Protein backbone atom coordinates (compact mmCIF):
# COMPACT_ATOMS: atom_id res chain seq x y z
CA MET A 1 -10.54 40.19 33.19
CA ARG A 2 -12.85 37.40 34.25
CA THR A 3 -11.71 34.96 36.88
CA ASP A 4 -14.69 32.62 36.96
CA GLY A 5 -12.76 29.84 35.25
CA VAL A 6 -14.33 30.36 31.82
CA ALA A 7 -12.60 33.21 30.00
CA ILE A 8 -9.04 32.29 30.92
CA PRO A 9 -9.26 28.62 29.84
CA ALA A 10 -11.02 29.71 26.63
CA SER A 11 -8.27 32.19 25.81
CA ARG A 12 -5.63 29.55 26.50
CA ALA A 13 -7.40 27.09 24.20
CA ARG A 14 -7.55 29.71 21.47
CA ALA A 15 -3.86 30.49 21.86
CA LYS A 16 -3.16 26.76 21.64
CA ASP A 17 -5.11 26.62 18.37
CA PHE A 18 -2.98 29.40 16.86
CA VAL A 19 0.17 27.60 17.97
CA ALA A 20 -1.15 24.46 16.25
CA LEU A 21 -1.38 26.42 12.99
CA ALA A 22 2.39 26.92 13.12
CA LYS A 23 3.08 23.18 13.65
CA PRO A 24 6.01 23.86 16.01
CA ARG A 25 6.87 20.19 16.59
CA LEU A 26 7.15 19.45 12.87
CA ASN A 27 9.15 22.63 12.27
CA VAL A 28 11.81 21.76 14.86
CA LEU A 29 13.66 19.77 12.19
CA VAL A 30 13.43 22.76 9.83
CA VAL A 31 15.13 24.97 12.41
CA VAL A 32 17.77 22.35 13.25
CA SER A 33 18.54 21.87 9.54
CA ALA A 34 19.06 25.62 9.15
CA LEU A 35 21.50 25.50 12.06
CA VAL A 36 23.37 22.61 10.41
CA GLY A 37 23.73 24.67 7.23
CA TYR A 38 25.07 27.57 9.28
CA ARG A 39 27.72 25.48 11.03
CA MET A 40 28.75 23.58 7.90
CA ALA A 41 29.38 26.95 6.29
CA ASP A 42 31.76 27.71 9.18
CA GLY A 43 29.38 30.15 10.78
CA GLU A 44 30.75 31.51 14.03
CA PRO A 45 29.47 29.45 16.99
CA GLN A 46 30.10 32.42 19.30
CA ALA A 47 27.77 34.69 17.31
CA SER A 48 24.87 34.01 19.64
CA LEU A 49 22.66 36.84 18.40
CA SER A 50 23.10 35.80 14.77
CA ILE A 51 22.31 32.17 15.61
CA LEU A 52 19.29 33.15 17.67
CA GLY A 53 18.03 35.34 14.84
CA LEU A 54 18.54 32.49 12.38
CA LEU A 55 16.61 30.04 14.53
CA VAL A 56 13.77 32.41 15.40
CA GLY A 57 13.47 33.82 11.87
CA THR A 58 13.50 30.40 10.21
CA GLY A 59 10.97 29.06 12.70
CA LEU A 60 8.63 31.98 12.17
CA VAL A 61 8.67 31.72 8.37
CA ALA A 62 8.17 27.94 8.60
CA GLY A 63 5.25 28.53 10.95
CA GLY A 64 3.76 31.04 8.53
CA ALA A 65 4.01 28.53 5.70
CA SER A 66 2.24 25.92 7.82
CA ALA A 67 -0.56 28.35 8.63
CA PHE A 68 -1.10 29.32 4.98
CA ASN A 69 -1.07 25.65 3.99
CA GLN A 70 -3.79 24.82 6.51
CA VAL A 71 -5.92 27.74 5.34
CA LEU A 72 -5.75 26.52 1.73
CA GLU A 73 -6.41 22.88 2.62
CA ARG A 74 -9.04 23.36 5.31
CA ASP A 75 -11.81 21.81 3.19
CA LEU A 76 -9.76 18.71 2.44
CA ASP A 77 -8.46 18.46 6.00
CA ALA A 78 -12.09 18.25 7.11
CA LEU A 79 -12.47 15.02 5.09
CA MET A 80 -9.50 13.18 6.63
CA ARG A 81 -9.64 11.51 10.02
CA ARG A 82 -6.16 12.54 11.09
CA THR A 83 -6.66 16.24 10.24
CA ARG A 84 -10.35 16.99 10.71
CA THR A 85 -9.88 18.22 14.28
CA ARG A 86 -7.35 20.87 13.28
CA PRO A 87 -8.41 24.42 14.22
CA LEU A 88 -9.52 25.51 10.74
CA PRO A 89 -11.60 22.50 9.58
CA ASP A 90 -13.10 22.35 13.07
CA GLN A 91 -13.94 26.08 12.72
CA ARG A 92 -12.26 27.07 15.96
CA ILE A 93 -10.25 29.57 13.90
CA GLN A 94 -11.62 31.41 10.86
CA PRO A 95 -9.70 31.48 7.52
CA ALA A 96 -9.12 35.24 7.69
CA GLU A 97 -7.57 34.82 11.12
CA GLY A 98 -5.31 32.08 9.79
CA VAL A 99 -4.17 34.30 6.91
CA LEU A 100 -3.40 37.22 9.24
CA PHE A 101 -1.55 34.93 11.63
CA GLY A 102 0.50 33.40 8.80
CA ALA A 103 1.30 36.80 7.33
CA ALA A 104 2.40 38.20 10.69
CA MET A 105 4.71 35.24 11.31
CA THR A 106 6.15 35.40 7.81
CA ILE A 107 6.88 39.13 7.91
CA ALA A 108 8.37 38.91 11.40
CA GLY A 109 10.52 35.94 10.40
CA ALA A 110 11.83 37.50 7.20
CA LEU A 111 12.68 40.78 8.97
CA THR A 112 14.42 38.86 11.76
CA LEU A 113 16.56 36.92 9.26
CA ALA A 114 17.44 40.05 7.31
CA ALA A 115 18.42 41.95 10.46
CA ALA A 116 20.29 39.14 12.23
CA SER A 117 21.95 37.67 9.13
CA ASN A 118 21.45 39.11 5.66
CA VAL A 119 18.92 39.67 2.90
CA LEU A 120 19.95 36.48 1.07
CA ALA A 121 18.95 34.31 4.03
CA ALA A 122 15.58 36.08 4.23
CA ALA A 123 15.09 35.69 0.47
CA VAL A 124 15.77 31.94 0.61
CA ALA A 125 13.31 31.58 3.50
CA LEU A 126 10.63 33.46 1.56
CA THR A 127 11.36 31.31 -1.50
CA THR A 128 10.77 28.28 0.68
CA LEU A 129 7.38 29.63 1.74
CA VAL A 130 6.31 30.67 -1.77
CA THR A 131 7.18 27.34 -3.37
CA TYR A 132 5.56 25.40 -0.51
CA VAL A 133 2.34 27.40 -0.37
CA GLY A 134 2.07 28.66 -3.95
CA VAL A 135 3.32 25.64 -5.89
CA TYR A 136 3.31 22.46 -3.81
CA THR A 137 0.03 23.00 -1.96
CA PRO A 138 -2.17 23.49 -5.06
CA LEU A 139 -0.34 20.72 -6.95
CA LYS A 140 -1.25 18.21 -4.23
CA ARG A 141 -4.81 18.29 -5.57
CA ARG A 142 -3.68 17.59 -9.13
CA THR A 143 -0.79 15.15 -9.34
CA SER A 144 1.20 12.59 -7.36
CA PHE A 145 4.34 14.33 -8.63
CA ALA A 146 3.58 17.05 -6.09
CA THR A 147 5.47 14.92 -3.56
CA VAL A 148 8.69 15.53 -5.51
CA ILE A 149 7.91 19.23 -5.94
CA GLY A 150 7.19 19.56 -2.23
CA ALA A 151 10.61 18.14 -1.40
CA ILE A 152 12.22 21.24 -2.94
CA PRO A 153 11.05 23.80 -0.34
CA GLY A 154 11.46 21.10 2.29
CA ALA A 155 15.16 20.84 1.43
CA LEU A 156 15.93 24.57 1.59
CA PRO A 157 16.42 25.05 5.36
CA PRO A 158 20.17 24.17 5.28
CA ILE A 159 20.49 26.69 2.46
CA ILE A 160 18.95 29.36 4.69
CA GLY A 161 21.60 28.62 7.31
CA TRP A 162 24.45 28.63 4.82
CA ALA A 163 23.29 31.93 3.37
CA ALA A 164 23.03 33.37 6.88
CA ALA A 165 26.64 32.41 7.63
CA THR A 166 28.34 33.49 4.41
CA GLY A 167 25.96 35.51 2.25
CA GLU A 168 26.79 33.08 -0.57
CA LEU A 169 25.48 29.78 -1.94
CA PRO A 170 28.38 27.71 -3.34
CA ALA A 171 28.06 24.20 -4.74
CA ARG A 172 28.91 22.62 -1.38
CA ALA A 173 25.80 24.16 0.16
CA TRP A 174 23.61 22.37 -2.36
CA THR A 175 25.01 19.03 -1.21
CA LEU A 176 23.06 19.53 2.01
CA PHE A 177 20.01 20.47 -0.03
CA GLY A 178 20.34 17.24 -2.03
CA ILE A 179 20.59 15.10 1.10
CA MET A 180 17.45 16.60 2.60
CA PHE A 181 15.64 16.43 -0.74
CA LEU A 182 16.23 12.69 -1.21
CA TRP A 183 15.54 11.92 2.45
CA GLN A 184 12.05 13.42 2.25
CA LEU A 185 10.80 11.16 -0.54
CA PRO A 186 10.84 7.76 1.20
CA HIS A 187 9.68 9.63 4.31
CA PHE A 188 6.64 11.05 2.48
CA LEU A 189 5.90 7.85 0.57
CA SER A 190 5.74 5.81 3.75
CA ILE A 191 3.32 8.35 5.24
CA ALA A 192 1.24 8.27 2.06
CA TRP A 193 1.01 4.48 2.27
CA MET A 194 0.02 4.48 5.94
CA TYR A 195 -2.73 7.05 5.35
CA ARG A 196 -3.74 6.09 1.80
CA ASP A 197 -7.40 5.67 2.75
CA ASP A 198 -7.48 9.14 4.27
CA TYR A 199 -5.87 10.66 1.17
CA ALA A 200 -8.32 8.80 -1.07
CA ARG A 201 -11.24 10.10 1.01
CA ALA A 202 -10.03 13.67 0.52
CA GLY A 203 -9.32 13.21 -3.18
CA PHE A 204 -5.55 13.67 -3.04
CA PRO A 205 -4.00 11.83 -6.02
CA MET A 206 -1.14 10.37 -3.99
CA LEU A 207 0.77 7.49 -5.55
CA PRO A 208 -0.69 4.85 -3.18
CA VAL A 209 -4.18 6.12 -4.11
CA LEU A 210 -3.54 5.91 -7.86
CA GLU A 211 -1.82 2.52 -7.63
CA PRO A 212 -3.35 0.69 -4.67
CA ASP A 213 -1.11 -2.38 -4.92
CA GLY A 214 1.79 -0.27 -3.63
CA ARG A 215 4.40 -1.64 -6.01
CA SER A 216 5.32 1.75 -7.47
CA THR A 217 5.26 3.35 -4.02
CA GLY A 218 7.69 0.75 -2.68
CA ARG A 219 9.98 0.86 -5.70
CA GLN A 220 10.23 4.63 -5.64
CA ALA A 221 10.85 4.77 -1.90
CA LEU A 222 13.61 2.19 -2.29
CA ALA A 223 15.19 4.01 -5.24
CA TYR A 224 15.33 7.31 -3.38
CA ALA A 225 16.76 5.66 -0.24
CA ALA A 226 19.44 3.99 -2.38
CA ALA A 227 20.34 7.28 -4.10
CA LEU A 228 20.60 8.93 -0.69
CA ILE A 229 23.55 6.76 0.34
CA PRO A 230 26.19 8.08 -2.13
CA LEU A 231 24.93 11.65 -1.79
CA SER A 232 25.11 11.45 1.99
CA LEU A 233 28.80 10.51 1.64
CA ALA A 234 29.55 13.57 -0.50
CA PRO A 235 30.33 15.90 2.45
CA ALA A 236 33.25 13.64 3.38
CA LEU A 237 34.43 13.41 -0.24
CA LEU A 238 34.26 17.20 -0.52
CA HIS A 239 36.25 17.57 2.74
CA MET A 240 33.31 19.12 4.54
CA SER A 241 33.45 16.23 7.04
CA GLY A 242 35.89 13.46 7.90
CA GLN A 243 36.21 9.71 8.26
CA ILE A 244 33.93 9.40 11.30
CA TYR A 245 31.13 11.04 9.39
CA PHE A 246 31.78 8.89 6.31
CA GLU A 247 31.54 5.63 8.22
CA GLY A 248 28.55 6.73 10.29
CA ALA A 249 26.67 8.06 7.26
CA LEU A 250 27.27 4.80 5.41
CA LEU A 251 25.89 2.75 8.31
CA LEU A 252 22.87 5.02 8.70
CA GLY A 253 22.18 4.91 4.97
CA LEU A 254 22.33 1.12 4.85
CA ALA A 255 20.02 0.82 7.87
CA PHE A 256 17.51 3.21 6.31
CA LEU A 257 17.79 1.35 3.01
CA TRP A 258 17.03 -1.95 4.77
CA LEU A 259 13.89 -0.53 6.39
CA THR A 260 12.77 0.88 3.04
CA PHE A 261 13.50 -2.45 1.33
CA ARG A 262 11.28 -4.26 3.82
CA PHE A 263 8.51 -1.76 3.17
CA ALA A 264 8.90 -2.16 -0.60
CA ARG A 265 8.88 -5.96 -0.30
CA THR A 266 5.91 -6.42 2.04
CA ARG A 267 4.01 -3.18 1.46
CA SER A 268 2.50 -3.65 4.90
CA THR A 269 1.40 -0.80 7.13
CA ARG A 270 3.70 -2.12 9.85
CA ASP A 271 6.79 -1.93 7.64
CA ALA A 272 5.71 1.45 6.27
CA ARG A 273 5.54 2.68 9.86
CA ARG A 274 9.01 1.27 10.54
CA ALA A 275 10.38 3.05 7.47
CA PHE A 276 8.67 6.25 8.59
CA PHE A 277 10.15 6.14 12.09
CA GLY A 278 13.49 5.13 10.61
CA SER A 279 13.40 8.29 8.50
CA LEU A 280 12.64 10.36 11.59
CA ALA A 281 15.77 8.96 13.24
CA TYR A 282 17.99 9.06 10.14
CA LEU A 283 18.21 12.77 9.42
CA PRO A 284 18.82 14.07 12.97
CA LEU A 285 21.48 11.38 13.48
CA LEU A 286 23.12 12.30 10.18
CA TRP A 287 23.17 15.98 11.14
CA LEU A 288 24.67 15.10 14.53
CA LEU A 289 27.40 13.07 12.84
CA MET A 290 28.10 15.92 10.46
CA LEU A 291 28.35 18.51 13.22
CA GLY A 292 30.22 16.23 15.63
CA ASP A 293 32.86 15.43 13.05
CA ARG A 294 33.72 19.13 12.85
CA LEU A 295 34.39 19.57 16.57
């Protein structure tokens, strides 16, 4: 082992690059959403090993999906300002290394879920990865509708948690899926508007690229945010949560709708950013309300 101050920092930088492939900060919400699904399915809070396995397994599979996605999009990432310094487009990590890293994380995550919970939870997690990497990622180059398709794997984490707790997927579980599905669309559309020039430079046919005036982008974001309100109230109507959740979810939904309305009306980058940060606050607060109402 060298101690001249060169090898150790280099190895740390390389490890940091592999961690960046897994996008751990972005996948925190994936892991939290899986935990919400587990608790809403009345999963045992004392089952610490099962919960730990759920969190670790879900995080590993999500990290594997992120790595595969970056391998497939490395050429386009190199064209966009906000992604060109990622490890693969910057050639600090080679594609084969990214594939091996993604595969190792995926296999480890699926085995962890199967061992700590059940095969159904592992199968849902793998379905999430396959639809994200095998369907959504290639469609991003072809159609703006890929945003809607991509919301499907993005909405499956609560289903992983529910499956881990019960080994079943009843209709109530899909209510959580629907909430996360609708939430993602104004979230993604606001991002697409903020970075429309970057997406155009890379050739992604995002809606703001195809229709630069932003009217369709704003209308769609507003429509999805409006549809989210009644669906977010469904857990209370289905007796999964109570009155506190109902009132809190209604207030959160109206606040998010207002931010999205402002974005749709002005189509300014500032209001798109406000809608984006509002979306980042909305879902964690909704999950907290949902869990807190069950205590």
